[in-house]
C-alpha cells in the first residue's frame, strides 16, 4: 500500500477546518468570510456612476418631462381645433341664413320701390283729373253715381269726350317674393 500523504482537504481550503489544529475554529468565521466575499464581489460588479452619466440621466428625464408636456399641449390643441371646427360650422350656417335674410330684404326693398312708384303715378293721375274737372262737373258725376248703383241706364244724353284713364302697370307680389308655403297636391 502506498504511504498516506497529508493532503489538505477541501474543507480546509474553504476555511472550514484549520489544518494546524484539525478542527473548525469557530462557527462565525465561515459566514463572515462568505458575507465579506459576497460584498466584495458585488462591489466589483457594480459600476459606479460618473458625474457625466448622472448629468445625461438628468437631461434625459428633463426631455421626457418636456415630451409629456408637449403631448398634453397637443391634446389641448386638438380639442380646441375640434371646438373651432364646430364653431366655424355653426358660423357658416348662420352666415347662410343671414344671406337668405338679406336677399329677402332686398326683394322687399324692390317691392316697396315699385309700390311707391305706382302710388306716385296714381297721385299724378288724381291731380290731373282734379284739375281737368271743375266742381260743377264733379257734382254731376256724384249724382250719376247712385244711378249706376240702382241699375239705371246711362243713355240719358250724348256721351261727352273725357280724358282716357290708363291705369298704371300692375304688379304681382309673387314676382318679388317666392311662395314659402308647401305646394298642395
N, C-alpha and C. Protein backbone atom coordinates (compact mmCIF):
# COMPACT_ATOMS: atom_id res chain seq x y z
N UNK A 1 0.83 -1.17 0.00
CA UNK A 1 0.00 0.00 0.00
C UNK A 1 0.87 1.23 0.00
N UNK A 2 0.33 2.21 -0.49
CA UNK A 2 1.05 3.46 -0.61
C UNK A 2 0.99 4.23 0.69
N UNK A 3 2.05 4.96 0.96
CA UNK A 3 2.01 5.74 2.19
C UNK A 3 1.01 6.88 2.06
N UNK A 4 0.43 7.20 3.12
CA UNK A 4 -0.56 8.28 3.13
C UNK A 4 0.16 9.59 3.28
N UNK A 5 -0.20 10.45 2.36
CA UNK A 5 0.37 11.79 2.43
C UNK A 5 -0.66 12.72 3.03
N UNK A 6 -0.14 13.68 3.62
CA UNK A 6 -1.05 14.65 4.21
C UNK A 6 -1.47 15.63 3.12
N UNK A 7 -2.68 15.52 2.69
CA UNK A 7 -3.20 16.46 1.68
C UNK A 7 -4.27 17.31 2.35
N UNK A 8 -4.25 18.50 2.04
CA UNK A 8 -5.28 19.33 2.64
C UNK A 8 -6.64 18.95 2.07
N UNK A 9 -7.57 18.87 2.91
CA UNK A 9 -8.92 18.52 2.46
C UNK A 9 -9.60 19.76 1.89
N UNK A 10 -10.65 19.52 1.19
CA UNK A 10 -11.39 20.66 0.61
C UNK A 10 -12.00 21.50 1.71
N UNK A 11 -12.26 20.88 2.84
CA UNK A 11 -12.81 21.64 3.95
C UNK A 11 -11.79 22.63 4.47
N UNK A 12 -10.51 22.24 4.46
CA UNK A 12 -9.51 23.17 4.96
C UNK A 12 -9.23 24.26 3.95
N UNK A 13 -9.44 23.98 2.67
CA UNK A 13 -9.22 25.02 1.66
C UNK A 13 -10.27 26.11 1.76
N UNK A 14 -11.47 25.75 2.05
CA UNK A 14 -12.55 26.71 2.15
C UNK A 14 -12.44 27.47 3.46
N UNK A 15 -11.76 26.95 4.41
CA UNK A 15 -11.59 27.63 5.68
C UNK A 15 -12.49 27.05 6.74
N UNK A 16 -13.04 25.89 6.46
CA UNK A 16 -13.90 25.29 7.46
C UNK A 16 -13.09 24.57 8.54
N UNK A 17 -11.93 24.06 8.15
CA UNK A 17 -11.12 23.31 9.12
C UNK A 17 -9.72 23.93 9.14
N UNK A 18 -9.23 24.17 10.30
CA UNK A 18 -7.88 24.71 10.45
C UNK A 18 -6.90 23.54 10.36
N UNK A 19 -5.96 23.52 9.35
CA UNK A 19 -5.07 22.36 9.19
C UNK A 19 -4.12 22.17 10.37
N UNK A 20 -3.77 23.23 11.06
CA UNK A 20 -2.85 23.07 12.18
C UNK A 20 -3.54 22.40 13.34
N UNK A 21 -4.78 22.72 13.56
CA UNK A 21 -5.50 22.16 14.69
C UNK A 21 -6.27 20.94 14.25
N UNK A 22 -6.78 20.95 13.03
CA UNK A 22 -7.54 19.83 12.54
C UNK A 22 -9.01 19.92 12.88
N UNK A 23 -9.44 21.03 13.32
CA UNK A 23 -10.87 21.17 13.62
C UNK A 23 -11.34 22.58 13.20
N UNK A 24 -12.56 22.77 13.31
CA UNK A 24 -13.15 24.07 12.94
C UNK A 24 -12.83 25.10 14.00
N UNK A 25 -12.36 26.27 13.59
CA UNK A 25 -12.00 27.24 14.59
C UNK A 25 -13.22 27.86 15.29
N UNK A 26 -14.22 28.30 14.55
CA UNK A 26 -15.42 28.83 15.19
C UNK A 26 -16.54 28.85 14.15
N UNK A 27 -17.73 28.97 14.65
CA UNK A 27 -18.88 28.93 13.74
C UNK A 27 -19.07 30.26 13.00
N UNK A 28 -18.58 31.36 13.53
CA UNK A 28 -18.82 32.67 12.92
C UNK A 28 -17.88 32.97 11.75
N UNK A 29 -16.75 32.44 11.72
CA UNK A 29 -15.77 32.77 10.68
C UNK A 29 -16.23 32.39 9.28
N UNK A 30 -16.73 31.22 9.03
CA UNK A 30 -17.09 30.91 7.63
C UNK A 30 -18.21 31.82 7.12
N UNK A 31 -19.18 32.16 7.94
CA UNK A 31 -20.26 33.01 7.47
C UNK A 31 -19.76 34.43 7.26
N UNK A 32 -18.86 34.91 8.11
CA UNK A 32 -18.31 36.25 7.93
C UNK A 32 -17.48 36.32 6.66
N UNK A 33 -16.66 35.34 6.44
CA UNK A 33 -15.84 35.32 5.23
C UNK A 33 -16.73 35.26 3.99
N UNK A 34 -17.76 34.48 4.04
CA UNK A 34 -18.66 34.34 2.90
C UNK A 34 -19.41 35.66 2.64
N UNK A 35 -19.82 36.31 3.73
CA UNK A 35 -20.52 37.59 3.58
C UNK A 35 -19.58 38.64 3.03
N UNK A 36 -18.36 38.70 3.56
CA UNK A 36 -17.39 39.69 3.09
C UNK A 36 -17.03 39.44 1.64
N UNK A 37 -16.85 38.21 1.31
CA UNK A 37 -16.50 37.86 -0.07
C UNK A 37 -17.64 38.24 -1.01
N UNK A 38 -18.87 37.99 -0.61
CA UNK A 38 -20.03 38.32 -1.44
C UNK A 38 -20.14 39.84 -1.62
N UNK A 39 -19.89 40.59 -0.54
CA UNK A 39 -19.94 42.05 -0.62
C UNK A 39 -18.88 42.56 -1.58
N UNK A 40 -17.65 42.04 -1.42
CA UNK A 40 -16.56 42.50 -2.28
C UNK A 40 -16.84 42.14 -3.73
N UNK A 41 -17.38 40.96 -3.96
CA UNK A 41 -17.70 40.53 -5.31
C UNK A 41 -18.81 41.39 -5.92
N UNK A 42 -19.82 41.72 -5.13
CA UNK A 42 -20.91 42.56 -5.64
C UNK A 42 -20.41 43.98 -5.90
N UNK A 43 -19.49 44.47 -5.08
CA UNK A 43 -18.90 45.78 -5.32
C UNK A 43 -18.13 45.81 -6.62
N UNK A 44 -17.52 44.70 -6.98
CA UNK A 44 -16.80 44.63 -8.25
C UNK A 44 -17.78 44.65 -9.43
N UNK A 45 -18.96 44.08 -9.25
CA UNK A 45 -19.94 44.03 -10.34
C UNK A 45 -20.68 45.36 -10.54
N UNK A 46 -20.77 46.16 -9.49
CA UNK A 46 -21.47 47.44 -9.58
C UNK A 46 -20.53 48.45 -10.20
N UNK A 47 -21.05 49.09 -11.27
CA UNK A 47 -20.27 50.10 -11.95
C UNK A 47 -20.65 51.45 -11.33
N UNK A 48 -19.72 52.17 -10.80
CA UNK A 48 -20.05 53.46 -10.18
C UNK A 48 -20.46 54.48 -11.27
N UNK A 49 -21.45 55.29 -10.92
CA UNK A 49 -21.93 56.32 -11.85
C UNK A 49 -20.97 57.48 -11.84
N UNK A 50 -20.68 57.92 -13.01
CA UNK A 50 -19.84 59.10 -13.09
C UNK A 50 -20.74 60.33 -13.12
N UNK A 51 -20.16 61.48 -12.98
CA UNK A 51 -20.93 62.73 -12.99
C UNK A 51 -21.56 62.96 -14.37
N UNK A 52 -20.85 62.55 -15.41
CA UNK A 52 -21.38 62.72 -16.77
C UNK A 52 -22.63 61.88 -16.97
N UNK A 53 -22.59 60.64 -16.46
CA UNK A 53 -23.75 59.76 -16.60
C UNK A 53 -24.93 60.32 -15.82
N UNK A 54 -24.67 60.88 -14.66
CA UNK A 54 -25.76 61.47 -13.88
C UNK A 54 -26.34 62.68 -14.61
N UNK A 55 -25.48 63.49 -15.23
CA UNK A 55 -25.95 64.65 -15.98
C UNK A 55 -26.78 64.22 -17.20
N UNK A 56 -26.33 63.17 -17.88
CA UNK A 56 -27.06 62.66 -19.04
C UNK A 56 -28.42 62.12 -18.59
N UNK A 57 -28.43 61.40 -17.48
CA UNK A 57 -29.69 60.84 -16.98
C UNK A 57 -30.65 61.97 -16.59
N UNK A 58 -30.14 63.02 -15.99
CA UNK A 58 -30.99 64.16 -15.61
C UNK A 58 -31.54 64.85 -16.84
N UNK A 59 -30.69 65.05 -17.86
CA UNK A 59 -31.15 65.67 -19.10
C UNK A 59 -32.22 64.80 -19.77
N UNK A 60 -32.00 63.50 -19.73
CA UNK A 60 -32.97 62.58 -20.33
C UNK A 60 -34.31 62.66 -19.62
N UNK A 61 -34.28 62.73 -18.29
CA UNK A 61 -35.54 62.84 -17.55
C UNK A 61 -36.22 64.19 -17.84
N UNK A 62 -35.43 65.27 -18.01
CA UNK A 62 -35.99 66.57 -18.38
C UNK A 62 -36.64 66.52 -19.76
N UNK A 63 -35.98 65.83 -20.68
CA UNK A 63 -36.54 65.69 -22.03
C UNK A 63 -37.84 64.91 -21.98
N UNK A 64 -37.87 63.86 -21.18
CA UNK A 64 -39.11 63.08 -21.05
C UNK A 64 -40.24 63.93 -20.49
N UNK A 65 -39.92 64.77 -19.49
CA UNK A 65 -40.94 65.67 -18.94
C UNK A 65 -41.45 66.64 -20.00
N UNK A 66 -40.54 67.18 -20.80
CA UNK A 66 -40.94 68.11 -21.85
C UNK A 66 -41.80 67.42 -22.91
N UNK A 67 -41.44 66.20 -23.24
CA UNK A 67 -42.23 65.44 -24.23
C UNK A 67 -43.64 65.20 -23.69
N UNK A 68 -43.75 64.85 -22.43
CA UNK A 68 -45.07 64.65 -21.83
C UNK A 68 -45.88 65.95 -21.83
N UNK A 69 -45.21 67.05 -21.50
CA UNK A 69 -45.89 68.35 -21.51
C UNK A 69 -46.33 68.72 -22.92
N UNK A 70 -45.45 68.46 -23.89
CA UNK A 70 -45.78 68.73 -25.29
C UNK A 70 -46.98 67.89 -25.74
N UNK A 71 -47.02 66.65 -25.30
CA UNK A 71 -48.14 65.77 -25.65
C UNK A 71 -49.45 66.32 -25.06
N UNK A 72 -49.40 66.79 -23.82
CA UNK A 72 -50.60 67.38 -23.21
C UNK A 72 -51.05 68.62 -23.98
N UNK A 73 -50.08 69.44 -24.40
CA UNK A 73 -50.42 70.63 -25.18
C UNK A 73 -51.04 70.25 -26.52
N UNK A 74 -50.51 69.22 -27.15
CA UNK A 74 -51.08 68.75 -28.41
C UNK A 74 -52.52 68.27 -28.22
N UNK A 75 -52.76 67.57 -27.13
CA UNK A 75 -54.12 67.12 -26.83
C UNK A 75 -55.06 68.30 -26.65
N UNK A 76 -54.60 69.31 -25.93
CA UNK A 76 -55.42 70.51 -25.74
C UNK A 76 -55.67 71.21 -27.07
N UNK A 77 -54.63 71.27 -27.92
CA UNK A 77 -54.79 71.91 -29.22
C UNK A 77 -55.77 71.13 -30.09
N UNK A 78 -55.73 69.81 -30.03
CA UNK A 78 -56.70 69.00 -30.79
C UNK A 78 -58.11 69.31 -30.34
N UNK A 79 -58.31 69.41 -29.03
CA UNK A 79 -59.64 69.73 -28.50
C UNK A 79 -60.08 71.11 -28.96
N UNK A 80 -59.16 72.08 -28.93
CA UNK A 80 -59.53 73.43 -29.34
C UNK A 80 -59.81 73.49 -30.84
N UNK A 81 -59.08 72.70 -31.63
CA UNK A 81 -59.33 72.65 -33.07
C UNK A 81 -60.71 72.07 -33.33
N UNK A 82 -61.06 71.02 -32.61
CA UNK A 82 -62.39 70.43 -32.78
C UNK A 82 -63.48 71.43 -32.40
N UNK A 83 -63.26 72.15 -31.30
CA UNK A 83 -64.23 73.18 -30.90
C UNK A 83 -64.30 74.29 -31.95
N UNK A 84 -63.15 74.67 -32.49
CA UNK A 84 -63.12 75.71 -33.51
C UNK A 84 -63.85 75.25 -34.77
N UNK A 85 -63.65 74.00 -35.16
CA UNK A 85 -64.35 73.48 -36.34
C UNK A 85 -65.86 73.52 -36.13
N UNK A 86 -66.29 73.11 -34.95
CA UNK A 86 -67.72 73.13 -34.64
C UNK A 86 -68.25 74.56 -34.69
N UNK A 87 -67.49 75.48 -34.11
CA UNK A 87 -67.91 76.88 -34.12
C UNK A 87 -67.95 77.43 -35.54
N UNK A 88 -66.98 77.06 -36.36
CA UNK A 88 -66.96 77.50 -37.76
C UNK A 88 -68.16 76.97 -38.53
N UNK A 89 -68.52 75.72 -38.29
CA UNK A 89 -69.69 75.16 -38.96
C UNK A 89 -70.95 75.92 -38.56
N UNK A 90 -71.07 76.23 -37.27
CA UNK A 90 -72.24 76.99 -36.80
C UNK A 90 -72.24 78.40 -37.40
N UNK A 91 -71.07 79.03 -37.46
CA UNK A 91 -70.98 80.36 -38.06
C UNK A 91 -71.34 80.33 -39.54
N UNK A 92 -70.86 79.32 -40.25
CA UNK A 92 -71.19 79.20 -41.67
C UNK A 92 -72.69 79.06 -41.87
N UNK A 93 -73.33 78.29 -41.02
CA UNK A 93 -74.79 78.13 -41.11
C UNK A 93 -75.48 79.47 -40.84
N UNK A 94 -75.02 80.20 -39.86
CA UNK A 94 -75.62 81.50 -39.56
C UNK A 94 -75.39 82.49 -40.70
N UNK A 95 -74.21 82.44 -41.33
CA UNK A 95 -73.93 83.32 -42.47
C UNK A 95 -74.87 82.98 -43.62
N UNK A 96 -75.10 81.69 -43.85
CA UNK A 96 -76.00 81.27 -44.92
C UNK A 96 -77.42 81.79 -44.64
N UNK A 97 -77.85 81.68 -43.39
CA UNK A 97 -79.18 82.18 -43.03
C UNK A 97 -79.26 83.70 -43.19
N UNK A 98 -78.18 84.39 -42.81
CA UNK A 98 -78.16 85.85 -42.97
C UNK A 98 -78.22 86.25 -44.45
N UNK A 99 -77.52 85.51 -45.30
CA UNK A 99 -77.56 85.82 -46.74
C UNK A 99 -78.98 85.65 -47.28
N UNK A 100 -79.67 84.60 -46.86
CA UNK A 100 -81.06 84.41 -47.27
C UNK A 100 -81.91 85.58 -46.78
N UNK A 101 -81.70 86.01 -45.55
CA UNK A 101 -82.45 87.14 -45.00
C UNK A 101 -82.15 88.41 -45.77
N UNK A 102 -80.89 88.65 -46.12
CA UNK A 102 -80.53 89.84 -46.88
C UNK A 102 -81.18 89.83 -48.26
N UNK A 103 -81.25 88.65 -48.89
CA UNK A 103 -81.93 88.56 -50.19
C UNK A 103 -83.41 88.91 -50.05
N UNK A 104 -84.05 88.42 -49.00
CA UNK A 104 -85.45 88.75 -48.77
C UNK A 104 -85.63 90.25 -48.54
N UNK A 105 -84.72 90.84 -47.78
CA UNK A 105 -84.78 92.29 -47.53
C UNK A 105 -84.62 93.06 -48.84
N UNK A 106 -83.69 92.60 -49.70
CA UNK A 106 -83.51 93.26 -50.99
C UNK A 106 -84.77 93.16 -51.84
N UNK A 107 -85.42 91.99 -51.83
CA UNK A 107 -86.67 91.82 -52.58
C UNK A 107 -87.76 92.74 -52.03
N UNK A 108 -87.83 92.86 -50.71
CA UNK A 108 -88.83 93.75 -50.11
C UNK A 108 -88.56 95.20 -50.52
N UNK A 109 -87.30 95.59 -50.56
CA UNK A 109 -86.95 96.96 -50.96
C UNK A 109 -87.38 97.21 -52.40
N UNK A 110 -87.12 96.28 -53.29
CA UNK A 110 -87.54 96.44 -54.68
C UNK A 110 -89.06 96.53 -54.76
N UNK A 111 -89.75 95.70 -53.99
CA UNK A 111 -91.22 95.71 -53.98
C UNK A 111 -91.75 97.04 -53.46
N UNK A 112 -91.18 97.52 -52.39
CA UNK A 112 -91.62 98.80 -51.81
C UNK A 112 -91.37 99.93 -52.81
N UNK A 113 -90.24 99.90 -53.49
CA UNK A 113 -89.96 100.92 -54.51
C UNK A 113 -91.00 100.87 -55.63
N UNK A 114 -91.36 99.68 -56.06
CA UNK A 114 -92.36 99.52 -57.12
C UNK A 114 -93.71 100.05 -56.66
N UNK A 115 -94.11 99.70 -55.45
CA UNK A 115 -95.38 100.20 -54.91
C UNK A 115 -95.33 101.71 -54.78
N UNK A 116 -94.22 102.25 -54.34
CA UNK A 116 -94.07 103.71 -54.22
C UNK A 116 -94.20 104.39 -55.56
N UNK A 117 -93.58 103.81 -56.60
CA UNK A 117 -93.70 104.38 -57.95
C UNK A 117 -95.15 104.36 -58.42
N UNK A 118 -95.85 103.25 -58.15
CA UNK A 118 -97.25 103.14 -58.55
C UNK A 118 -98.11 104.16 -57.82
N UNK A 119 -97.86 104.36 -56.55
CA UNK A 119 -98.62 105.34 -55.77
C UNK A 119 -98.37 106.74 -56.30
N UNK A 120 -97.13 107.07 -56.64
CA UNK A 120 -96.80 108.38 -57.18
C UNK A 120 -97.51 108.60 -58.52
N UNK A 121 -97.54 107.57 -59.36
CA UNK A 121 -98.20 107.66 -60.64
C UNK A 121 -99.71 107.88 -60.45
N UNK A 122 -100.30 107.14 -59.52
CA UNK A 122 -101.73 107.31 -59.25
C UNK A 122 -102.01 108.72 -58.71
N UNK A 123 -101.15 109.23 -57.86
CA UNK A 123 -101.34 110.58 -57.34
C UNK A 123 -101.27 111.61 -58.48
N UNK A 124 -100.35 111.39 -59.42
CA UNK A 124 -100.26 112.33 -60.54
C UNK A 124 -101.53 112.26 -61.39
N UNK A 125 -102.07 111.04 -61.60
CA UNK A 125 -103.34 110.92 -62.33
C UNK A 125 -104.47 111.61 -61.57
N UNK A 126 -104.49 111.46 -60.28
CA UNK A 126 -105.52 112.11 -59.47
C UNK A 126 -105.43 113.63 -59.57
N UNK A 127 -104.23 114.15 -59.52
CA UNK A 127 -104.05 115.60 -59.64
C UNK A 127 -104.51 116.09 -61.00
N UNK A 128 -104.15 115.34 -62.05
CA UNK A 128 -104.57 115.74 -63.40
C UNK A 128 -106.09 115.71 -63.53
N UNK A 129 -106.71 114.66 -62.99
CA UNK A 129 -108.17 114.56 -63.10
C UNK A 129 -108.87 115.64 -62.27
N UNK A 130 -108.29 115.95 -61.11
CA UNK A 130 -108.88 117.00 -60.30
C UNK A 130 -108.77 118.35 -61.00
N UNK A 131 -107.69 118.58 -61.72
CA UNK A 131 -107.51 119.84 -62.44
C UNK A 131 -108.43 119.91 -63.66
N UNK A 132 -108.65 118.76 -64.31
CA UNK A 132 -109.47 118.77 -65.52
C UNK A 132 -110.96 118.91 -65.21
N UNK A 133 -111.38 118.52 -64.05
CA UNK A 133 -112.79 118.62 -63.68
C UNK A 133 -113.00 119.87 -62.83
N UNK A 134 -114.07 120.58 -63.15
CA UNK A 134 -114.41 121.68 -62.27
C UNK A 134 -115.42 121.18 -61.25
N UNK A 135 -115.69 121.90 -60.21
CA UNK A 135 -116.57 121.40 -59.15
C UNK A 135 -117.99 121.11 -59.63
N UNK A 136 -118.50 121.82 -60.62
CA UNK A 136 -119.86 121.55 -61.07
C UNK A 136 -119.94 120.19 -61.77
N UNK A 137 -118.92 119.85 -62.53
CA UNK A 137 -118.92 118.53 -63.21
C UNK A 137 -118.78 117.41 -62.18
N UNK A 138 -118.04 117.67 -61.12
CA UNK A 138 -117.88 116.67 -60.08
C UNK A 138 -119.22 116.38 -59.41
N UNK A 139 -120.02 117.42 -59.21
CA UNK A 139 -121.34 117.22 -58.59
C UNK A 139 -122.24 116.41 -59.51
N UNK A 140 -122.18 116.70 -60.80
CA UNK A 140 -122.99 115.93 -61.75
C UNK A 140 -122.60 114.46 -61.71
N UNK A 141 -121.33 114.22 -61.64
CA UNK A 141 -120.84 112.83 -61.59
C UNK A 141 -121.33 112.12 -60.34
N UNK A 142 -121.28 112.81 -59.24
CA UNK A 142 -121.72 112.20 -57.99
C UNK A 142 -123.22 111.92 -58.02
N UNK A 143 -123.98 112.75 -58.73
CA UNK A 143 -125.41 112.50 -58.86
C UNK A 143 -125.66 111.27 -59.72
N UNK A 144 -124.83 111.07 -60.72
CA UNK A 144 -124.97 109.90 -61.59
C UNK A 144 -124.56 108.61 -60.89
N UNK A 145 -123.71 108.72 -59.96
CA UNK A 145 -123.19 107.52 -59.27
C UNK A 145 -124.30 106.72 -58.60
N UNK A 146 -125.25 107.30 -57.87
CA UNK A 146 -126.32 106.48 -57.32
C UNK A 146 -127.15 105.81 -58.41
N UNK A 147 -127.25 106.42 -59.58
CA UNK A 147 -127.97 105.81 -60.70
C UNK A 147 -127.29 104.54 -61.15
N UNK A 148 -126.01 104.53 -61.14
CA UNK A 148 -125.29 103.32 -61.53
C UNK A 148 -125.53 102.21 -60.52
N UNK A 149 -125.64 102.61 -59.27
CA UNK A 149 -125.85 101.61 -58.23
C UNK A 149 -127.24 101.02 -58.30
N UNK A 150 -128.25 101.81 -58.74
CA UNK A 150 -129.62 101.33 -58.81
C UNK A 150 -129.88 100.58 -60.10
N UNK A 151 -129.02 100.66 -61.06
CA UNK A 151 -129.17 99.90 -62.29
C UNK A 151 -129.77 100.71 -63.42
N UNK A 152 -129.83 102.04 -63.37
CA UNK A 152 -130.35 102.87 -64.46
C UNK A 152 -129.37 102.85 -65.60
N UNK A 153 -129.89 102.99 -66.77
CA UNK A 153 -129.01 103.03 -67.93
C UNK A 153 -128.44 104.42 -68.07
N UNK A 154 -127.33 104.53 -68.72
CA UNK A 154 -126.65 105.81 -68.89
C UNK A 154 -126.95 106.41 -70.25
N UNK A 155 -128.10 106.12 -70.83
CA UNK A 155 -128.43 106.63 -72.16
C UNK A 155 -129.25 107.91 -72.09
N UNK A 156 -129.06 108.77 -71.14
CA UNK A 156 -129.83 109.99 -70.96
C UNK A 156 -129.33 111.09 -71.89
N UNK A 157 -128.12 111.05 -72.26
CA UNK A 157 -127.59 112.10 -73.11
C UNK A 157 -126.45 111.57 -73.94
N UNK A 158 -125.96 112.42 -74.78
CA UNK A 158 -124.83 112.04 -75.63
C UNK A 158 -123.58 111.97 -74.77
N UNK A 159 -122.79 110.95 -75.00
CA UNK A 159 -121.57 110.84 -74.20
C UNK A 159 -120.57 111.94 -74.53
N UNK A 160 -120.02 112.49 -73.51
CA UNK A 160 -119.03 113.54 -73.69
C UNK A 160 -117.66 112.89 -73.82
N UNK A 161 -116.78 113.54 -74.52
CA UNK A 161 -115.42 113.02 -74.63
C UNK A 161 -114.65 113.42 -73.39
N UNK A 162 -114.19 112.43 -72.73
CA UNK A 162 -113.46 112.66 -71.48
C UNK A 162 -112.04 112.13 -71.66
N UNK A 163 -111.12 112.63 -70.89
CA UNK A 163 -109.77 112.07 -71.00
C UNK A 163 -109.77 110.61 -70.59
N UNK A 164 -109.04 109.84 -71.32
CA UNK A 164 -109.00 108.39 -71.08
C UNK A 164 -108.03 108.10 -69.94
N UNK A 165 -108.53 107.35 -69.01
CA UNK A 165 -107.69 106.96 -67.87
C UNK A 165 -106.98 105.67 -68.21
N UNK A 166 -105.71 105.67 -68.06
CA UNK A 166 -104.92 104.46 -68.27
C UNK A 166 -104.29 104.10 -66.93
N UNK A 167 -104.72 102.99 -66.39
CA UNK A 167 -104.18 102.62 -65.08
C UNK A 167 -102.70 102.27 -65.18
N UNK A 168 -101.98 102.48 -64.09
CA UNK A 168 -100.54 102.13 -64.12
C UNK A 168 -100.38 100.62 -64.29
N UNK A 169 -99.24 100.28 -64.76
CA UNK A 169 -98.95 98.86 -64.96
C UNK A 169 -99.02 98.15 -63.62
N UNK A 170 -99.78 97.09 -63.60
CA UNK A 170 -99.95 96.37 -62.34
C UNK A 170 -98.75 95.47 -62.09
N UNK A 171 -98.61 95.13 -60.87
CA UNK A 171 -97.52 94.24 -60.47
C UNK A 171 -98.10 93.15 -59.60
N UNK A 172 -97.35 92.10 -59.49
CA UNK A 172 -97.76 90.99 -58.64
C UNK A 172 -96.72 90.82 -57.55
N UNK A 173 -97.19 90.61 -56.36
CA UNK A 173 -96.25 90.40 -55.25
C UNK A 173 -95.47 89.11 -55.46
N UNK A 174 -96.06 88.16 -56.17
CA UNK A 174 -95.36 86.89 -56.40
C UNK A 174 -94.14 87.07 -57.30
N UNK A 175 -94.12 88.20 -58.06
CA UNK A 175 -92.93 88.48 -58.86
C UNK A 175 -91.73 88.81 -57.98
N UNK A 176 -92.00 89.28 -56.79
CA UNK A 176 -90.94 89.73 -55.90
C UNK A 176 -90.66 88.77 -54.75
N UNK A 177 -91.64 87.95 -54.43
CA UNK A 177 -91.48 87.03 -53.29
C UNK A 177 -91.80 85.63 -53.74
N UNK A 178 -90.96 84.71 -53.28
CA UNK A 178 -91.21 83.30 -53.55
C UNK A 178 -92.21 82.79 -52.52
N UNK A 179 -93.04 81.89 -52.96
CA UNK A 179 -94.02 81.31 -52.04
C UNK A 179 -93.30 80.37 -51.10
N UNK A 180 -93.47 80.60 -49.81
CA UNK A 180 -92.80 79.75 -48.82
C UNK A 180 -93.70 78.64 -48.31
N UNK A 181 -94.98 78.63 -48.79
CA UNK A 181 -95.89 77.58 -48.36
C UNK A 181 -95.61 76.34 -49.21
N UNK A 182 -95.74 75.17 -48.61
CA UNK A 182 -95.54 73.96 -49.41
C UNK A 182 -96.68 73.82 -50.42
N UNK A 183 -96.37 73.35 -51.60
CA UNK A 183 -97.38 73.22 -52.64
C UNK A 183 -98.38 72.13 -52.28
N UNK A 184 -99.63 72.39 -52.58
CA UNK A 184 -100.69 71.45 -52.26
C UNK A 184 -100.96 70.59 -53.48
N UNK A 185 -100.92 69.31 -53.30
CA UNK A 185 -101.16 68.41 -54.42
C UNK A 185 -102.51 67.75 -54.31
